[in-house]
Amino acid sequence: MIDAMVERLAARLATQPDDPDGWSRLGRSYMVLSRPDKAREAYARAVKLRPDDPALQQALAEAVSAANSAGAAQPAADGAK
């Protein structure tokens, strides 16, 4: 059910992309769902629309950090360490 709501929000933003609050909500939702890569993308869109908003900049920084940490925790695709 939560996934469906998040996907509806993402679909709406795809057609109405000038909504920084919507992008921020989507970023928070992706963080809750442990999808930091998608959260990073959503927050980046919000920051692009409101570049002087320190709360959005902080949220983006946290999503970037989480995405980097998640990427480091995953094994390499070729099995190398």
PDB file of N, CA and C in Angstrom:
ATOM      1  N   MET A   1       0.825  -1.185   0.000  1.00  0.00           N
ATOM      2  CA  MET A   1       0.000   0.000   0.000  1.00  0.00           C
ATOM      3  C   MET A   1       0.873   1.254   0.000  1.00  0.00           C
ATOM      4  N   ILE A   2       1.905   1.277   0.843  1.00  0.00           N
ATOM      5  CA  ILE A   2       2.794   2.442   0.887  1.00  0.00           C
ATOM      6  C   ILE A   2       3.528   2.590  -0.435  1.00  0.00           C
ATOM      7  N   ASP A   3       3.996   1.476  -0.982  1.00  0.00           N
ATOM      8  CA  ASP A   3       4.679   1.528  -2.276  1.00  0.00           C
ATOM      9  C   ASP A   3       3.781   2.129  -3.345  1.00  0.00           C
ATOM     10  N   ALA A   4       2.505   1.773  -3.338  1.00  0.00           N
ATOM     11  CA  ALA A   4       1.571   2.290  -4.340  1.00  0.00           C
ATOM     12  C   ALA A   4       1.405   3.802  -4.188  1.00  0.00           C
ATOM     13  N   MET A   5       1.336   4.289  -2.952  1.00  0.00           N
ATOM     14  CA  MET A   5       1.201   5.734  -2.733  1.00  0.00           C
ATOM     15  C   MET A   5       2.449   6.464  -3.214  1.00  0.00           C
ATOM     16  N   VAL A   6       3.604   5.901  -2.933  1.00  0.00           N
ATOM     17  CA  VAL A   6       4.861   6.527  -3.356  1.00  0.00           C
ATOM     18  C   VAL A   6       4.939   6.538  -4.879  1.00  0.00           C
ATOM     19  N   GLU A   7       4.552   5.449  -5.510  1.00  0.00           N
ATOM     20  CA  GLU A   7       4.577   5.385  -6.968  1.00  0.00           C
ATOM     21  C   GLU A   7       3.594   6.378  -7.591  1.00  0.00           C
ATOM     22  N   ARG A   8       2.442   6.588  -6.961  1.00  0.00           N
ATOM     23  CA  ARG A   8       1.498   7.595  -7.470  1.00  0.00           C
ATOM     24  C   ARG A   8       2.096   8.993  -7.375  1.00  0.00           C
ATOM     25  N   LEU A   9       2.760   9.275  -6.265  1.00  0.00           N
ATOM     26  CA  LEU A   9       3.407  10.574  -6.112  1.00  0.00           C
ATOM     27  C   LEU A   9       4.502  10.744  -7.168  1.00  0.00           C
ATOM     28  N   ALA A  10       5.300   9.724  -7.382  1.00  0.00           N
ATOM     29  CA  ALA A  10       6.352   9.796  -8.398  1.00  0.00           C
ATOM     30  C   ALA A  10       5.753  10.010  -9.788  1.00  0.00           C
ATOM     31  N   ALA A  11       4.662   9.343 -10.078  1.00  0.00           N
ATOM     32  CA  ALA A  11       4.007   9.501 -11.386  1.00  0.00           C
ATOM     33  C   ALA A  11       3.457  10.919 -11.549  1.00  0.00           C
ATOM     34  N   ARG A  12       2.887  11.466 -10.493  1.00  0.00           N
ATOM     35  CA  ARG A  12       2.369  12.833 -10.563  1.00  0.00           C
ATOM     36  C   ARG A  12       3.501  13.816 -10.795  1.00  0.00           C
ATOM     37  N   LEU A  13       4.614  13.626 -10.102  1.00  0.00           N
ATOM     38  CA  LEU A  13       5.748  14.532 -10.262  1.00  0.00           C
ATOM     39  C   LEU A  13       6.381  14.418 -11.648  1.00  0.00           C
ATOM     40  N   ALA A  14       6.263  13.256 -12.267  1.00  0.00           N
ATOM     41  CA  ALA A  14       6.782  13.103 -13.626  1.00  0.00           C
ATOM     42  C   ALA A  14       6.022  13.994 -14.605  1.00  0.00           C
ATOM     43  N   THR A  15       4.736  14.231 -14.330  1.00  0.00           N
ATOM     44  CA  THR A  15       3.938  15.082 -15.211  1.00  0.00           C
ATOM     45  C   THR A  15       3.846  16.521 -14.719  1.00  0.00           C
ATOM     46  N   GLN A  16       4.111  16.734 -13.429  1.00  0.00           N
ATOM     47  CA  GLN A  16       4.064  18.069 -12.821  1.00  0.00           C
ATOM     48  C   GLN A  16       5.348  18.285 -12.017  1.00  0.00           C
ATOM     49  N   PRO A  17       6.475  18.465 -12.687  1.00  0.00           N
ATOM     50  CA  PRO A  17       7.768  18.454 -12.005  1.00  0.00           C
ATOM     51  C   PRO A  17       8.127  19.723 -11.221  1.00  0.00           C
ATOM     52  N   ASP A  18       7.339  20.773 -11.312  1.00  0.00           N
ATOM     53  CA  ASP A  18       7.684  22.031 -10.638  1.00  0.00           C
ATOM     54  C   ASP A  18       7.100  22.110  -9.237  1.00  0.00           C
ATOM     55  N   ASP A  19       7.268  21.065  -8.448  1.00  0.00           N
ATOM     56  CA  ASP A  19       6.692  20.978  -7.108  1.00  0.00           C
ATOM     57  C   ASP A  19       7.784  20.565  -6.108  1.00  0.00           C
ATOM     58  N   PRO A  20       8.526  21.558  -5.572  1.00  0.00           N
ATOM     59  CA  PRO A  20       9.609  21.189  -4.660  1.00  0.00           C
ATOM     60  C   PRO A  20       9.116  20.466  -3.410  1.00  0.00           C
ATOM     61  N   ASP A  21       7.941  20.821  -2.923  1.00  0.00           N
ATOM     62  CA  ASP A  21       7.411  20.123  -1.748  1.00  0.00           C
ATOM     63  C   ASP A  21       7.093  18.667  -2.078  1.00  0.00           C
ATOM     64  N   GLY A  22       6.585  18.435  -3.272  1.00  0.00           N
ATOM     65  CA  GLY A  22       6.308  17.060  -3.693  1.00  0.00           C
ATOM     66  C   GLY A  22       7.584  16.246  -3.815  1.00  0.00           C
ATOM     67  N   TRP A  23       8.633  16.848  -4.401  1.00  0.00           N
ATOM     68  CA  TRP A  23       9.915  16.147  -4.517  1.00  0.00           C
ATOM     69  C   TRP A  23      10.490  15.854  -3.135  1.00  0.00           C
ATOM     70  N   SER A  24      10.321  16.778  -2.218  1.00  0.00           N
ATOM     71  CA  SER A  24      10.804  16.562  -0.858  1.00  0.00           C
ATOM     72  C   SER A  24      10.043  15.411  -0.189  1.00  0.00           C
ATOM     73  N   ARG A  25       8.719  15.388  -0.341  1.00  0.00           N
ATOM     74  CA  ARG A  25       7.926  14.279   0.205  1.00  0.00           C
ATOM     75  C   ARG A  25       8.372  12.957  -0.396  1.00  0.00           C
ATOM     76  N   LEU A  26       8.622  12.973  -1.703  1.00  0.00           N
ATOM     77  CA  LEU A  26       9.056  11.748  -2.365  1.00  0.00           C
ATOM     78  C   LEU A  26      10.422  11.308  -1.829  1.00  0.00           C
ATOM     79  N   GLY A  27      11.328  12.256  -1.628  1.00  0.00           N
ATOM     80  CA  GLY A  27      12.626  11.925  -1.058  1.00  0.00           C
ATOM     81  C   GLY A  27      12.502  11.302   0.323  1.00  0.00           C
ATOM     82  N   ARG A  28      11.670  11.911   1.177  1.00  0.00           N
ATOM     83  CA  ARG A  28      11.460  11.344   2.523  1.00  0.00           C
ATOM     84  C   ARG A  28      10.879   9.938   2.431  1.00  0.00           C
ATOM     85  N   SER A  29       9.922   9.766   1.527  1.00  0.00           N
ATOM     86  CA  SER A  29       9.298   8.444   1.375  1.00  0.00           C
ATOM     87  C   SER A  29      10.320   7.397   0.957  1.00  0.00           C
ATOM     88  N   TYR A  30      11.172   7.758   0.004  1.00  0.00           N
ATOM     89  CA  TYR A  30      12.196   6.808  -0.435  1.00  0.00           C
ATOM     90  C   TYR A  30      13.183   6.501   0.685  1.00  0.00           C
ATOM     91  N   MET A  31      13.507   7.474   1.514  1.00  0.00           N
ATOM     92  CA  MET A  31      14.410   7.204   2.643  1.00  0.00           C
ATOM     93  C   MET A  31      13.768   6.213   3.607  1.00  0.00           C
ATOM     94  N   VAL A  32      12.486   6.392   3.893  1.00  0.00           N
ATOM     95  CA  VAL A  32      11.775   5.478   4.783  1.00  0.00           C
ATOM     96  C   VAL A  32      11.752   4.067   4.198  1.00  0.00           C
ATOM     97  N   LEU A  33      11.634   3.993   2.875  1.00  0.00           N
ATOM     98  CA  LEU A  33      11.594   2.695   2.209  1.00  0.00           C
ATOM     99  C   LEU A  33      12.992   2.130   1.924  1.00  0.00           C
ATOM    100  N   SER A  34      14.021   2.765   2.479  1.00  0.00           N
ATOM    101  CA  SER A  34      15.417   2.333   2.298  1.00  0.00           C
ATOM    102  C   SER A  34      15.821   2.293   0.826  1.00  0.00           C
ATOM    103  N   ARG A  35      15.463   3.354   0.107  1.00  0.00           N
ATOM    104  CA  ARG A  35      15.853   3.520  -1.293  1.00  0.00           C
ATOM    105  C   ARG A  35      16.612   4.843  -1.439  1.00  0.00           C
ATOM    106  N   PRO A  36      17.817   4.910  -0.865  1.00  0.00           N
ATOM    107  CA  PRO A  36      18.534   6.185  -0.840  1.00  0.00           C
ATOM    108  C   PRO A  36      18.924   6.712  -2.218  1.00  0.00           C
ATOM    109  N   ASP A  37      19.145   5.842  -3.190  1.00  0.00           N
ATOM    110  CA  ASP A  37      19.466   6.330  -4.537  1.00  0.00           C
ATOM    111  C   ASP A  37      18.300   7.137  -5.110  1.00  0.00           C
ATOM    112  N   LYS A  38      17.104   6.608  -4.951  1.00  0.00           N
ATOM    113  CA  LYS A  38      15.921   7.322  -5.438  1.00  0.00           C
ATOM    114  C   LYS A  38      15.667   8.575  -4.602  1.00  0.00           C
ATOM    115  N   ALA A  39      15.933   8.506  -3.310  1.00  0.00           N
ATOM    116  CA  ALA A  39      15.774   9.684  -2.448  1.00  0.00           C
ATOM    117  C   ALA A  39      16.722  10.786  -2.899  1.00  0.00           C
ATOM    118  N   ARG A  40      17.952  10.407  -3.205  1.00  0.00           N
ATOM    119  CA  ARG A  40      18.944  11.384  -3.669  1.00  0.00           C
ATOM    120  C   ARG A  40      18.440  12.091  -4.921  1.00  0.00           C
ATOM    121  N   GLU A  41      17.881  11.339  -5.865  1.00  0.00           N
ATOM    122  CA  GLU A  41      17.362  11.928  -7.093  1.00  0.00           C
ATOM    123  C   GLU A  41      16.208  12.890  -6.807  1.00  0.00           C
ATOM    124  N   ALA A  42      15.306  12.482  -5.927  1.00  0.00           N
ATOM    125  CA  ALA A  42      14.148  13.327  -5.599  1.00  0.00           C
ATOM    126  C   ALA A  42      14.595  14.607  -4.902  1.00  0.00           C
ATOM    127  N   TYR A  43      15.488  14.487  -3.936  1.00  0.00           N
ATOM    128  CA  TYR A  43      15.965  15.686  -3.240  1.00  0.00           C
ATOM    129  C   TYR A  43      16.752  16.599  -4.180  1.00  0.00           C
ATOM    130  N   ALA A  44      17.479  16.025  -5.115  1.00  0.00           N
ATOM    131  CA  ALA A  44      18.216  16.849  -6.079  1.00  0.00           C
ATOM    132  C   ALA A  44      17.248  17.679  -6.912  1.00  0.00           C
ATOM    133  N   ARG A  45      16.110  17.097  -7.272  1.00  0.00           N
ATOM    134  CA  ARG A  45      15.095  17.850  -8.023  1.00  0.00           C
ATOM    135  C   ARG A  45      14.528  18.973  -7.167  1.00  0.00           C
ATOM    136  N   ALA A  46      14.281  18.692  -5.881  1.00  0.00           N
ATOM    137  CA  ALA A  46      13.749  19.713  -4.979  1.00  0.00           C
ATOM    138  C   ALA A  46      14.743  20.855  -4.812  1.00  0.00           C
ATOM    139  N   VAL A  47      16.013  20.519  -4.628  1.00  0.00           N
ATOM    140  CA  VAL A  47      17.052  21.549  -4.455  1.00  0.00           C
ATOM    141  C   VAL A  47      17.192  22.386  -5.724  1.00  0.00           C
ATOM    142  N   LYS A  48      17.051  21.759  -6.868  1.00  0.00           N
ATOM    143  CA  LYS A  48      17.139  22.505  -8.123  1.00  0.00           C
ATOM    144  C   LYS A  48      16.026  23.566  -8.188  1.00  0.00           C
ATOM    145  N   LEU A  49      14.861  23.244  -7.645  1.00  0.00           N
ATOM    146  CA  LEU A  49      13.740  24.182  -7.658  1.00  0.00           C
ATOM    147  C   LEU A  49      13.835  25.223  -6.546  1.00  0.00           C
ATOM    148  N   ARG A  50      14.493  24.852  -5.431  1.00  0.00           N
ATOM    149  CA  ARG A  50      14.678  25.766  -4.296  1.00  0.00           C
ATOM    150  C   ARG A  50      16.124  25.707  -3.820  1.00  0.00           C
ATOM    151  N   PRO A  51      17.036  26.289  -4.577  1.00  0.00           N
ATOM    152  CA  PRO A  51      18.462  26.152  -4.245  1.00  0.00           C
ATOM    153  C   PRO A  51      18.882  26.837  -2.946  1.00  0.00           C
ATOM    154  N   ASP A  52      18.099  27.763  -2.434  1.00  0.00           N
ATOM    155  CA  ASP A  52      18.473  28.476  -1.214  1.00  0.00           C
ATOM    156  C   ASP A  52      17.840  27.891   0.043  1.00  0.00           C
ATOM    157  N   ASP A  53      17.231  26.713  -0.063  1.00  0.00           N
ATOM    158  CA  ASP A  53      16.556  26.100   1.077  1.00  0.00           C
ATOM    159  C   ASP A  53      17.536  25.184   1.815  1.00  0.00           C
ATOM    160  N   PRO A  54      18.001  25.612   3.000  1.00  0.00           N
ATOM    161  CA  PRO A  54      19.003  24.792   3.712  1.00  0.00           C
ATOM    162  C   PRO A  54      18.466  23.435   4.157  1.00  0.00           C
ATOM    163  N   ALA A  55      17.179  23.327   4.451  1.00  0.00           N
ATOM    164  CA  ALA A  55      16.624  22.036   4.869  1.00  0.00           C
ATOM    165  C   ALA A  55      16.676  21.041   3.711  1.00  0.00           C
ATOM    166  N   LEU A  56      16.386  21.509   2.508  1.00  0.00           N
ATOM    167  CA  LEU A  56      16.471  20.624   1.342  1.00  0.00           C
ATOM    168  C   LEU A  56      17.915  20.240   1.060  1.00  0.00           C
ATOM    169  N   GLN A  57      18.827  21.184   1.207  1.00  0.00           N
ATOM    170  CA  GLN A  57      20.238  20.881   0.993  1.00  0.00           C
ATOM    171  C   GLN A  57      20.723  19.841   1.996  1.00  0.00           C
ATOM    172  N   GLN A  58      20.286  19.954   3.242  1.00  0.00           N
ATOM    173  CA  GLN A  58      20.664  18.985   4.275  1.00  0.00           C
ATOM    174  C   GLN A  58      20.081  17.607   3.956  1.00  0.00           C
ATOM    175  N   ALA A  59      18.818  17.584   3.541  1.00  0.00           N
ATOM    176  CA  ALA A  59      18.180  16.308   3.199  1.00  0.00           C
ATOM    177  C   ALA A  59      18.901  15.647   2.028  1.00  0.00           C
ATOM    178  N   LEU A  60      19.296  16.441   1.039  1.00  0.00           N
ATOM    179  CA  LEU A  60      20.041  15.904  -0.098  1.00  0.00           C
ATOM    180  C   LEU A  60      21.380  15.335   0.369  1.00  0.00           C
ATOM    181  N   ALA A  61      22.074  16.056   1.218  1.00  0.00           N
ATOM    182  CA  ALA A  61      23.370  15.576   1.719  1.00  0.00           C
ATOM    183  C   ALA A  61      23.205  14.248   2.466  1.00  0.00           C
ATOM    184  N   GLU A  62      22.158  14.133   3.257  1.00  0.00           N
ATOM    185  CA  GLU A  62      21.916  12.888   3.989  1.00  0.00           C
ATOM    186  C   GLU A  62      21.588  11.745   3.038  1.00  0.00           C
ATOM    187  N   ALA A  63      20.804  12.029   1.994  1.00  0.00           N
ATOM    188  CA  ALA A  63      20.466  10.991   1.026  1.00  0.00           C
ATOM    189  C   ALA A  63      21.705  10.555   0.243  1.00  0.00           C
ATOM    190  N   VAL A  64      22.556  11.507  -0.116  1.00  0.00           N
ATOM    191  CA  VAL A  64      23.801  11.176  -0.820  1.00  0.00           C
ATOM    192  C   VAL A  64      24.667  10.281   0.058  1.00  0.00           C
ATOM    193  N   SER A  65      24.791  10.646   1.329  1.00  0.00           N
ATOM    194  CA  SER A  65      25.587   9.844   2.251  1.00  0.00           C
ATOM    195  C   SER A  65      25.015   8.433   2.399  1.00  0.00           C
ATOM    196  N   ALA A  66      23.705   8.344   2.538  1.00  0.00           N
ATOM    197  CA  ALA A  66      23.068   7.034   2.679  1.00  0.00           C
ATOM    198  C   ALA A  66      23.239   6.206   1.410  1.00  0.00           C
ATOM    199  N   ALA A  67      23.107   6.850   0.250  1.00  0.00           N
ATOM    200  CA  ALA A  67      23.271   6.126  -1.014  1.00  0.00           C
ATOM    201  C   ALA A  67      24.703   5.629  -1.163  1.00  0.00           C
ATOM    202  N   ASN A  68      25.676   6.464  -0.780  1.00  0.00           N
ATOM    203  CA  ASN A  68      27.077   6.052  -0.849  1.00  0.00           C
ATOM    204  C   ASN A  68      27.353   4.891   0.095  1.00  0.00           C
ATOM    205  N   SER A  69      26.790   4.946   1.285  1.00  0.00           N
ATOM    206  CA  SER A  69      26.970   3.867   2.256  1.00  0.00           C
ATOM    207  C   SER A  69      26.322   2.578   1.774  1.00  0.00           C
ATOM    208  N   ALA A  70      25.150   2.695   1.185  1.00  0.00           N
ATOM    209  CA  ALA A  70      24.450   1.514   0.683  1.00  0.00           C
ATOM    210  C   ALA A  70      25.225   0.893  -0.472  1.00  0.00           C
ATOM    211  N   GLY A  71      25.800   1.727  -1.313  1.00  0.00           N
ATOM    212  CA  GLY A  71      26.588   1.229  -2.434  1.00  0.00           C
ATOM    213  C   GLY A  71      27.839   0.525  -1.969  1.00  0.00           C
ATOM    214  N   ALA A  72      28.459   1.037  -0.919  1.00  0.00           N
ATOM    215  CA  ALA A  72      29.677   0.426  -0.386  1.00  0.00           C
ATOM    216  C   ALA A  72      29.380  -0.903   0.290  1.00  0.00           C
ATOM    217  N   ALA A  73      28.151  -1.069   0.785  1.00  0.00           N
ATOM    218  CA  ALA A  73      27.790  -2.283   1.495  1.00  0.00           C
ATOM    219  C   ALA A  73      27.444  -3.419   0.549  1.00  0.00           C
ATOM    220  N   GLN A  74      27.194  -3.094  -0.729  1.00  0.00           N
ATOM    221  CA  GLN A  74      26.818  -4.133  -1.683  1.00  0.00           C
ATOM    222  C   GLN A  74      28.066  -4.746  -2.306  1.00  0.00           C
ATOM    223  N   PRO A  75      28.060  -6.053  -2.537  1.00  0.00           N
ATOM    224  CA  PRO A  75      29.220  -6.682  -3.181  1.00  0.00           C
ATOM    225  C   PRO A  75      29.317  -6.235  -4.626  1.00  0.00           C
ATOM    226  N   ALA A  76      30.513  -6.276  -5.167  1.00  0.00           N
ATOM    227  CA  ALA A  76      30.729  -5.917  -6.561  1.00  0.00           C
ATOM    228  C   ALA A  76      30.002  -6.901  -7.461  1.00  0.00           C
ATOM    229  N   ALA A  77      29.551  -6.426  -8.610  1.00  0.00           N
ATOM    230  CA  ALA A  77      28.780  -7.252  -9.524  1.00  0.00           C
ATOM    231  C   ALA A  77      29.571  -8.443 -10.040  1.00  0.00           C
ATOM    232  N   ASP A  78      30.881  -8.285 -10.177  1.00  0.00           N
ATOM    233  CA  ASP A  78      31.711  -9.382 -10.694  1.00  0.00           C
ATOM    234  C   ASP A  78      32.222 -10.317  -9.603  1.00  0.00           C
ATOM    235  N   GLY A  79      31.780 -10.051  -8.381  1.00  0.00           N
ATOM    236  CA  GLY A  79      32.201 -10.889  -7.272  1.00  0.00           C
ATOM    237  C   GLY A  79      33.512 -10.458  -6.638  1.00  0.00           C
ATOM    238  N   ALA A  80      34.169  -9.438  -7.177  1.00  0.00           N
ATOM    239  CA  ALA A  80      35.432  -8.962  -6.606  1.00  0.00           C
ATOM    240  C   ALA A  80      35.165  -8.200  -5.333  1.00  0.00           C
ATOM    241  N   LYS A  81      36.151  -8.193  -4.455  1.00  0.00           N
ATOM    242  CA  LYS A  81      36.004  -7.441  -3.199  1.00  0.00           C
ATOM    243  C   LYS A  81      36.824  -6.212  -3.223  1.00  0.00           C
TER     244      LYS A  81
END
